[in-house]
Every structure is written in structure tokens, then in C-alpha cells.
Amino acid sequence: MIRALTMVAGLTGAVGMSQFPEFSQQYLQRLSGARAELMVIAKGFDFTAQTAGYTRDEALAAMGGSEFQNGLRDQMAGNLTRYDRLDAAYASLKQSDPLMRLTKLWHFRDTDLVQDTWEEFRPALPVTADGLICAAIGFVGGWSLVSFLLGLILMPFRRFA
């Protein structure tokens, strides 16, 4: 029974992890699109601020006043912050192959992009080397995790000689 459970866990991990390379590729495509969209806003704002003799932060500070202006300033500040974060994540993920993206999971933290990617994602058979390596990692991880947990649960019931 224990071997069957650990095998199921290993296979579940293999199937799940084998999908990571394709998911990360689709996330990267969405990240690129969101980044490009925000780049237009950020570059336009920075150009307008520079033309007026302001830095980005000075221009944001000058935008305050009425409730409408404060809301507009806060929205622009959020867009600029998100652009900087997405730009850094894109630069890091773009230069990594799908397998190395496993070591950069913190760059997958934009919840809107992850959710949109997941909603459109369709699993497929892993036929690339990266997919097969991820499947092996998932198998070992799933098998090891369940083996460890079952070992802890069953420890009080073992006989010690």
C-alpha cells in the first residue's frame, strides 16, 4: 500500500512538473505583452516629466491636489511600479531556458498574469528534454514527499529492536 501511494505521488509530481516548461513559456509571452503595454505608459510619463523639468518622483509628487488628481497620481505610481517589476522579471526570465526558470520562481509573482496564464493553459505531453527533466524532478519530489510523510505518520507503529 505504501509503495502504491508513493508511486502515485511520484507520477502525480511527474505529470504536474512536466507541464512547467510550457506554462513558463506562456507566462513569459503574457509577461512580455503586459510589459510592452506598460512601457508605453512609463516612457510617455517619463518623457513628459523630463520635458517639464521633473524626475519621475518629482512629477508624481506634483500631481497631487484634488481627489481626482490624487487618484490619478496613485494609479500612475502603481503602473510605474508594476512596469519596473515586470521589466526586471522579463529580463531575468527571457535569458533563461525553461528548465532554469525553475530556479527563478519568484519572478512568477504577478498574480494577474499567473491567473490569466493558468486559465488559458492546456496540458500537453512533455516531448522536450526540459519537459522530461521537469517530469523526473516532479516524480522524485512527489515520491520523496509522500515517503517522508508516511514515514513520519507510521513511525509510532514501528517496532524498534
Protein backbone atom coordinates (compact mmCIF):
# COMPACT_ATOMS: atom_id res chain seq x y z
CA MET A 1 0.00 0.00 0.00
CA ILE A 2 2.80 2.41 0.90
CA ARG A 3 4.63 1.68 -2.33
CA ALA A 4 1.45 2.29 -4.32
CA LEU A 5 0.87 5.63 -2.60
CA THR A 6 4.44 6.76 -3.16
CA MET A 7 4.26 5.67 -6.80
CA VAL A 8 1.01 7.61 -7.33
CA ALA A 9 2.59 10.64 -5.68
CA GLY A 10 5.66 10.32 -7.87
CA LEU A 11 3.59 10.03 -11.03
CA THR A 12 1.41 12.96 -9.98
CA GLY A 13 4.51 15.05 -9.39
CA ALA A 14 5.94 13.96 -12.74
CA VAL A 15 2.80 14.89 -14.66
CA GLY A 16 2.49 18.23 -12.86
CA MET A 17 6.11 19.28 -13.19
CA SER A 18 6.34 18.15 -16.81
CA GLN A 19 3.97 21.00 -17.65
CA PHE A 20 6.19 23.71 -16.15
CA PRO A 21 8.31 24.44 -19.26
CA GLU A 22 5.25 25.14 -21.40
CA PHE A 23 3.49 27.07 -18.64
CA SER A 24 6.59 29.20 -18.11
CA GLN A 25 6.79 29.90 -21.85
CA GLN A 26 3.17 31.02 -21.95
CA TYR A 27 3.67 33.13 -18.82
CA LEU A 28 6.72 34.75 -20.45
CA GLN A 29 4.63 35.65 -23.51
CA ARG A 30 1.96 37.26 -21.34
CA LEU A 31 4.64 39.00 -19.29
CA SER A 32 6.14 40.41 -22.47
CA GLY A 33 2.78 41.78 -23.59
CA ALA A 34 1.97 43.36 -20.22
CA ARG A 35 5.47 44.83 -20.03
CA ALA A 36 5.19 46.33 -23.53
CA GLU A 37 1.82 47.86 -22.70
CA LEU A 38 3.13 49.45 -19.51
CA MET A 39 6.35 50.56 -21.23
CA VAL A 40 4.35 52.94 -23.42
CA ILE A 41 2.80 54.49 -20.32
CA ALA A 42 6.09 54.66 -18.38
CA LYS A 43 8.12 56.11 -21.27
CA GLY A 44 5.39 58.67 -22.02
CA PHE A 45 5.19 59.73 -18.39
CA ASP A 46 8.97 59.94 -18.04
CA PHE A 47 9.24 61.98 -21.26
CA THR A 48 6.51 64.39 -20.14
CA ALA A 49 8.11 64.73 -16.69
CA GLN A 50 11.55 65.35 -18.20
CA THR A 51 10.16 67.93 -20.62
CA ALA A 52 8.66 69.78 -17.65
CA GLY A 53 11.98 69.55 -15.79
CA TYR A 54 10.93 66.89 -13.29
CA THR A 55 12.22 63.49 -12.34
CA ARG A 56 9.67 60.68 -12.18
CA ASP A 57 9.26 61.05 -8.41
CA GLU A 58 9.02 64.85 -8.59
CA ALA A 59 6.36 64.62 -11.30
CA LEU A 60 4.33 62.15 -9.24
CA ALA A 61 4.56 64.44 -6.21
CA ALA A 62 3.42 67.41 -8.30
CA MET A 63 0.31 65.55 -9.45
CA GLY A 64 -1.45 65.79 -6.08
CA GLY A 65 -4.19 68.21 -5.12
CA SER A 66 -7.79 67.24 -5.68
CA GLU A 67 -9.27 63.82 -5.03
CA PHE A 68 -9.24 63.15 -8.78
CA GLN A 69 -5.59 64.18 -9.13
CA ASN A 70 -4.59 62.08 -6.12
CA GLY A 71 -6.36 59.07 -7.62
CA LEU A 72 -4.69 59.65 -10.98
CA ARG A 73 -1.28 60.01 -9.30
CA ASP A 74 -1.77 56.81 -7.30
CA GLN A 75 -2.84 54.91 -10.41
CA MET A 76 0.18 56.20 -12.34
CA ALA A 77 2.52 55.33 -9.47
CA GLY A 78 1.07 51.80 -9.43
CA ASN A 79 1.55 51.46 -13.19
CA LEU A 80 5.15 52.65 -12.97
CA THR A 81 5.93 50.31 -10.08
CA ARG A 82 4.35 47.37 -11.91
CA TYR A 83 6.26 48.22 -15.08
CA ASP A 84 9.58 48.25 -13.21
CA ARG A 85 8.76 44.89 -11.58
CA LEU A 86 7.59 43.26 -14.82
CA ASP A 87 10.58 44.64 -16.72
CA ALA A 88 13.00 43.13 -14.20
CA ALA A 89 11.16 39.79 -14.23
CA TYR A 90 11.10 39.72 -18.04
CA ALA A 91 14.81 40.50 -18.29
CA SER A 92 15.63 37.67 -15.91
CA LEU A 93 13.27 35.06 -17.37
CA LYS A 94 13.92 35.90 -21.03
CA GLN A 95 17.58 34.94 -20.80
CA SER A 96 16.81 31.63 -19.05
CA ASP A 97 15.85 28.38 -20.70
CA PRO A 98 12.64 26.75 -19.40
CA LEU A 99 14.49 24.41 -17.05
CA MET A 100 16.47 27.25 -15.45
CA ARG A 101 13.22 29.16 -14.87
CA LEU A 102 12.57 26.64 -12.10
CA THR A 103 15.30 28.41 -10.14
CA LYS A 104 13.62 31.80 -10.65
CA LEU A 105 10.11 31.11 -9.40
CA TRP A 106 9.93 34.45 -7.55
CA HIS A 107 9.67 36.13 -10.98
CA PHE A 108 6.28 34.41 -11.41
CA ARG A 109 4.70 36.55 -8.70
CA ASP A 110 2.36 38.72 -10.78
CA THR A 111 -0.87 37.07 -9.69
CA ASP A 112 -2.93 38.54 -12.54
CA LEU A 113 -0.56 37.15 -15.17
CA VAL A 114 -0.26 33.77 -13.44
CA GLN A 115 -4.05 33.50 -13.17
CA ASP A 116 -4.60 34.54 -16.80
CA THR A 117 -1.94 32.09 -17.98
CA TRP A 118 -3.43 29.28 -15.89
CA GLU A 119 -6.94 29.93 -17.20
CA GLU A 120 -5.78 29.57 -20.81
CA PHE A 121 -3.20 26.83 -20.21
CA ARG A 122 -3.86 23.39 -21.69
CA PRO A 123 -1.66 20.50 -20.53
CA ALA A 124 0.29 18.59 -23.16
CA LEU A 125 2.66 15.65 -23.34
CA PRO A 126 6.21 16.70 -22.48
CA VAL A 127 8.27 15.85 -25.54
CA THR A 128 11.16 18.23 -24.95
CA ALA A 129 14.20 17.47 -22.86
CA ASP A 130 13.19 20.25 -20.45
CA GLY A 131 9.74 18.70 -20.03
CA LEU A 132 11.18 15.24 -19.38
CA ILE A 133 13.72 16.59 -16.87
CA CYS A 134 10.96 18.50 -15.08
CA ALA A 135 8.89 15.30 -15.05
CA ALA A 136 11.79 13.45 -13.41
CA ILE A 137 12.17 16.22 -10.82
CA GLY A 138 8.42 16.06 -10.15
CA PHE A 139 8.48 12.28 -9.79
CA VAL A 140 11.36 12.33 -7.31
CA GLY A 141 9.81 15.24 -5.43
CA GLY A 142 6.35 13.69 -5.16
CA TRP A 143 7.69 10.26 -4.26
CA SER A 144 10.08 11.70 -1.66
CA LEU A 145 7.47 13.94 -0.06
CA VAL A 146 4.90 11.17 0.38
CA SER A 147 7.55 8.68 1.53
CA PHE A 148 8.73 11.15 4.15
CA LEU A 149 5.20 11.99 5.35
CA LEU A 150 4.16 8.34 5.52
CA GLY A 151 7.38 7.55 7.38
CA LEU A 152 6.53 10.20 9.97
CA ILE A 153 2.94 9.02 10.32
CA LEU A 154 3.89 5.35 10.64
CA MET A 155 6.89 5.88 12.93
CA PRO A 156 4.95 5.29 16.18
CA PHE A 157 3.71 1.95 14.86
CA ARG A 158 7.13 0.51 14.01
CA ARG A 159 8.90 -1.96 16.20
CA PHE A 160 12.36 -1.00 17.27
CA ALA A 161 14.71 -3.88 18.05
